[in-house]
Amino acid sequence: MPNPEKTMENCILMLQHIQEDSTIPRNIRRVADETRALLVNNGKAMGLRAAEAISKIDEISNDPNMPIHARTRIWELVSQLETIPLD
């Protein structure tokens, strides 16, 4: 079973890469930044942060302006977040 803390760190890094990719539209990068901020907020349980992040990412996952490589990263990110238990 994967370590939830390590999974969370990987997700934060993935979001940072999306945020820094200039080929991705600004609105998607903004949501990536907001989602990263949700994940680094240690004031909430890890499972709750992951669930909120999935919800936020779901808003942009079907954006028609999203490049194919970004969509693949988003799907991979959601898959990683879904492995974090809700506690």
N, C-alpha and C. Protein backbone atom coordinates (compact mmCIF):
# COMPACT_ATOMS: atom_id res chain seq x y z
N MET A 1 0.85 -1.19 0.00
CA MET A 1 0.00 0.00 0.00
C MET A 1 0.90 1.25 0.00
N PRO A 2 0.60 2.20 -0.87
CA PRO A 2 1.43 3.40 -0.94
C PRO A 2 1.31 4.27 0.32
N ASN A 3 2.39 4.95 0.62
CA ASN A 3 2.44 5.84 1.77
C ASN A 3 1.66 7.12 1.42
N PRO A 4 0.60 7.44 2.17
CA PRO A 4 -0.21 8.63 1.85
C PRO A 4 0.57 9.94 1.86
N GLU A 5 1.54 10.07 2.77
CA GLU A 5 2.34 11.30 2.83
C GLU A 5 3.17 11.46 1.56
N LYS A 6 3.77 10.37 1.11
CA LYS A 6 4.59 10.41 -0.10
C LYS A 6 3.70 10.68 -1.33
N THR A 7 2.53 10.08 -1.35
CA THR A 7 1.58 10.31 -2.44
C THR A 7 1.19 11.78 -2.49
N MET A 8 0.94 12.37 -1.32
CA MET A 8 0.57 13.78 -1.24
C MET A 8 1.70 14.66 -1.77
N GLU A 9 2.93 14.34 -1.40
CA GLU A 9 4.09 15.10 -1.88
C GLU A 9 4.20 15.02 -3.41
N ASN A 10 3.99 13.81 -3.94
CA ASN A 10 4.04 13.63 -5.40
C ASN A 10 2.96 14.44 -6.10
N CYS A 11 1.77 14.47 -5.52
CA CYS A 11 0.67 15.23 -6.11
C CYS A 11 0.97 16.73 -6.10
N ILE A 12 1.56 17.20 -5.03
CA ILE A 12 1.92 18.62 -4.94
C ILE A 12 2.95 18.96 -6.01
N LEU A 13 3.92 18.07 -6.22
CA LEU A 13 4.92 18.29 -7.26
C LEU A 13 4.30 18.27 -8.65
N MET A 14 3.36 17.35 -8.87
CA MET A 14 2.68 17.29 -10.17
C MET A 14 1.93 18.59 -10.45
N LEU A 15 1.26 19.09 -9.42
CA LEU A 15 0.53 20.35 -9.58
C LEU A 15 1.49 21.51 -9.85
N GLN A 16 2.63 21.49 -9.22
CA GLN A 16 3.62 22.54 -9.44
C GLN A 16 4.12 22.50 -10.89
N HIS A 17 4.32 21.30 -11.43
CA HIS A 17 4.75 21.18 -12.82
C HIS A 17 3.68 21.70 -13.78
N ILE A 18 2.43 21.40 -13.48
CA ILE A 18 1.32 21.90 -14.31
C ILE A 18 1.28 23.42 -14.25
N GLN A 19 1.44 23.94 -13.05
CA GLN A 19 1.39 25.39 -12.83
C GLN A 19 2.51 26.11 -13.58
N GLU A 20 3.67 25.47 -13.71
CA GLU A 20 4.81 26.10 -14.36
C GLU A 20 4.87 25.88 -15.87
N ASP A 21 3.98 25.06 -16.41
CA ASP A 21 3.99 24.74 -17.83
C ASP A 21 3.27 25.84 -18.61
N SER A 22 4.02 26.59 -19.40
CA SER A 22 3.43 27.73 -20.12
C SER A 22 2.56 27.32 -21.29
N THR A 23 2.56 26.03 -21.66
CA THR A 23 1.69 25.58 -22.76
C THR A 23 0.27 25.30 -22.29
N ILE A 24 0.08 25.33 -20.98
CA ILE A 24 -1.24 25.08 -20.40
C ILE A 24 -1.93 26.43 -20.18
N PRO A 25 -3.21 26.53 -20.56
CA PRO A 25 -3.94 27.80 -20.39
C PRO A 25 -3.91 28.31 -18.94
N ARG A 26 -3.98 29.62 -18.83
CA ARG A 26 -3.86 30.29 -17.53
C ARG A 26 -4.93 29.86 -16.54
N ASN A 27 -6.16 29.65 -16.99
CA ASN A 27 -7.22 29.27 -16.05
C ASN A 27 -6.94 27.90 -15.43
N ILE A 28 -6.36 27.01 -16.20
CA ILE A 28 -6.03 25.68 -15.68
C ILE A 28 -4.85 25.76 -14.72
N ARG A 29 -3.87 26.58 -15.04
CA ARG A 29 -2.74 26.78 -14.14
C ARG A 29 -3.19 27.42 -12.83
N ARG A 30 -4.17 28.32 -12.90
CA ARG A 30 -4.69 28.96 -11.68
C ARG A 30 -5.36 27.91 -10.78
N VAL A 31 -6.16 27.03 -11.38
CA VAL A 31 -6.81 25.98 -10.59
C VAL A 31 -5.76 25.03 -10.00
N ALA A 32 -4.70 24.75 -10.75
CA ALA A 32 -3.62 23.91 -10.23
C ALA A 32 -2.98 24.57 -9.01
N ASP A 33 -2.79 25.88 -9.07
CA ASP A 33 -2.22 26.60 -7.93
C ASP A 33 -3.16 26.56 -6.73
N GLU A 34 -4.45 26.77 -6.96
CA GLU A 34 -5.44 26.72 -5.88
C GLU A 34 -5.50 25.32 -5.27
N THR A 35 -5.42 24.31 -6.12
CA THR A 35 -5.46 22.93 -5.64
C THR A 35 -4.22 22.60 -4.83
N ARG A 36 -3.06 23.07 -5.29
CA ARG A 36 -1.82 22.87 -4.54
C ARG A 36 -1.91 23.51 -3.17
N ALA A 37 -2.51 24.70 -3.10
CA ALA A 37 -2.68 25.39 -1.81
C ALA A 37 -3.59 24.57 -0.89
N LEU A 38 -4.61 23.92 -1.45
CA LEU A 38 -5.48 23.05 -0.64
C LEU A 38 -4.68 21.89 -0.05
N LEU A 39 -3.81 21.31 -0.86
CA LEU A 39 -3.07 20.13 -0.42
C LEU A 39 -2.01 20.45 0.62
N VAL A 40 -1.42 21.62 0.57
CA VAL A 40 -0.37 21.95 1.54
C VAL A 40 -0.93 22.48 2.86
N ASN A 41 -2.22 22.74 2.92
CA ASN A 41 -2.87 23.24 4.14
C ASN A 41 -3.00 22.08 5.14
N ASN A 42 -2.14 22.07 6.14
CA ASN A 42 -2.14 20.98 7.12
C ASN A 42 -3.22 21.14 8.18
N GLY A 43 -4.08 22.12 8.06
CA GLY A 43 -5.13 22.34 9.04
C GLY A 43 -6.28 21.35 8.92
N LYS A 44 -6.31 20.60 7.82
CA LYS A 44 -7.38 19.62 7.61
C LYS A 44 -6.77 18.24 7.46
N ALA A 45 -7.60 17.22 7.65
CA ALA A 45 -7.15 15.84 7.49
C ALA A 45 -6.70 15.60 6.05
N MET A 46 -5.74 14.72 5.88
CA MET A 46 -5.18 14.45 4.57
C MET A 46 -6.25 13.94 3.59
N GLY A 47 -7.11 13.05 4.04
CA GLY A 47 -8.16 12.51 3.18
C GLY A 47 -9.13 13.59 2.72
N LEU A 48 -9.45 14.50 3.61
CA LEU A 48 -10.35 15.61 3.27
C LEU A 48 -9.71 16.53 2.25
N ARG A 49 -8.42 16.83 2.44
CA ARG A 49 -7.70 17.67 1.48
C ARG A 49 -7.67 17.02 0.11
N ALA A 50 -7.45 15.70 0.08
CA ALA A 50 -7.42 14.98 -1.19
C ALA A 50 -8.79 15.02 -1.87
N ALA A 51 -9.85 14.83 -1.10
CA ALA A 51 -11.20 14.87 -1.67
C ALA A 51 -11.54 16.25 -2.22
N GLU A 52 -11.16 17.30 -1.49
CA GLU A 52 -11.40 18.66 -1.97
C GLU A 52 -10.61 18.93 -3.24
N ALA A 53 -9.38 18.43 -3.29
CA ALA A 53 -8.54 18.62 -4.47
C ALA A 53 -9.14 17.92 -5.68
N ILE A 54 -9.64 16.71 -5.49
CA ILE A 54 -10.27 15.98 -6.59
C ILE A 54 -11.47 16.75 -7.11
N SER A 55 -12.26 17.29 -6.20
CA SER A 55 -13.43 18.07 -6.60
C SER A 55 -13.03 19.30 -7.41
N LYS A 56 -11.99 19.99 -6.96
CA LYS A 56 -11.52 21.19 -7.65
C LYS A 56 -10.97 20.85 -9.04
N ILE A 57 -10.19 19.78 -9.12
CA ILE A 57 -9.61 19.37 -10.39
C ILE A 57 -10.70 18.91 -11.36
N ASP A 58 -11.73 18.29 -10.82
CA ASP A 58 -12.82 17.79 -11.68
C ASP A 58 -13.48 18.93 -12.45
N GLU A 59 -13.47 20.13 -11.89
CA GLU A 59 -14.06 21.29 -12.55
C GLU A 59 -13.38 21.59 -13.89
N ILE A 60 -12.08 21.34 -13.97
CA ILE A 60 -11.33 21.69 -15.18
C ILE A 60 -10.96 20.50 -16.05
N SER A 61 -11.23 19.29 -15.58
CA SER A 61 -10.75 18.10 -16.28
C SER A 61 -11.32 17.95 -17.69
N ASN A 62 -12.46 18.55 -17.95
CA ASN A 62 -13.07 18.45 -19.28
C ASN A 62 -13.00 19.75 -20.07
N ASP A 63 -12.11 20.63 -19.66
CA ASP A 63 -11.95 21.91 -20.37
C ASP A 63 -11.47 21.64 -21.80
N PRO A 64 -12.21 22.12 -22.79
CA PRO A 64 -11.82 21.86 -24.18
C PRO A 64 -10.51 22.51 -24.60
N ASN A 65 -10.05 23.50 -23.85
CA ASN A 65 -8.79 24.18 -24.18
C ASN A 65 -7.56 23.49 -23.60
N MET A 66 -7.78 22.44 -22.82
CA MET A 66 -6.65 21.77 -22.17
C MET A 66 -5.90 20.90 -23.18
N PRO A 67 -4.58 21.09 -23.25
CA PRO A 67 -3.78 20.24 -24.13
C PRO A 67 -3.83 18.78 -23.67
N ILE A 68 -3.63 17.86 -24.61
CA ILE A 68 -3.71 16.43 -24.31
C ILE A 68 -2.73 16.03 -23.21
N HIS A 69 -1.49 16.53 -23.26
CA HIS A 69 -0.52 16.14 -22.23
C HIS A 69 -0.94 16.61 -20.84
N ALA A 70 -1.61 17.75 -20.77
CA ALA A 70 -2.08 18.26 -19.47
C ALA A 70 -3.24 17.41 -18.96
N ARG A 71 -4.12 17.01 -19.86
CA ARG A 71 -5.25 16.17 -19.47
C ARG A 71 -4.75 14.84 -18.89
N THR A 72 -3.72 14.29 -19.51
CA THR A 72 -3.14 13.04 -19.02
C THR A 72 -2.56 13.23 -17.63
N ARG A 73 -1.88 14.34 -17.41
CA ARG A 73 -1.32 14.64 -16.08
C ARG A 73 -2.43 14.79 -15.04
N ILE A 74 -3.51 15.45 -15.43
CA ILE A 74 -4.64 15.65 -14.52
C ILE A 74 -5.25 14.31 -14.14
N TRP A 75 -5.44 13.43 -15.10
CA TRP A 75 -6.00 12.10 -14.80
C TRP A 75 -5.08 11.31 -13.89
N GLU A 76 -3.78 11.41 -14.14
CA GLU A 76 -2.82 10.72 -13.29
C GLU A 76 -2.86 11.28 -11.87
N LEU A 77 -2.98 12.59 -11.77
CA LEU A 77 -3.07 13.25 -10.46
C LEU A 77 -4.30 12.78 -9.69
N VAL A 78 -5.44 12.74 -10.36
CA VAL A 78 -6.68 12.29 -9.71
C VAL A 78 -6.53 10.84 -9.25
N SER A 79 -5.93 10.01 -10.08
CA SER A 79 -5.73 8.61 -9.70
C SER A 79 -4.87 8.51 -8.44
N GLN A 80 -3.84 9.31 -8.36
CA GLN A 80 -2.98 9.32 -7.17
C GLN A 80 -3.76 9.78 -5.94
N LEU A 81 -4.52 10.85 -6.10
CA LEU A 81 -5.28 11.39 -4.96
C LEU A 81 -6.33 10.40 -4.46
N GLU A 82 -6.88 9.62 -5.36
CA GLU A 82 -7.91 8.65 -4.96
C GLU A 82 -7.35 7.52 -4.10
N THR A 83 -6.04 7.34 -4.08
CA THR A 83 -5.45 6.29 -3.24
C THR A 83 -5.30 6.72 -1.79
N ILE A 84 -5.48 8.01 -1.51
CA ILE A 84 -5.33 8.51 -0.14
C ILE A 84 -6.63 8.21 0.63
N PRO A 85 -6.52 7.48 1.73
CA PRO A 85 -7.73 7.13 2.49
C PRO A 85 -8.38 8.36 3.15
N LEU A 86 -9.70 8.29 3.28
CA LEU A 86 -10.43 9.41 3.89
C LEU A 86 -10.29 9.46 5.41
N ASP A 87 -9.85 8.41 6.02
CA ASP A 87 -9.67 8.30 7.48
C ASP A 87 -10.96 8.22 8.19
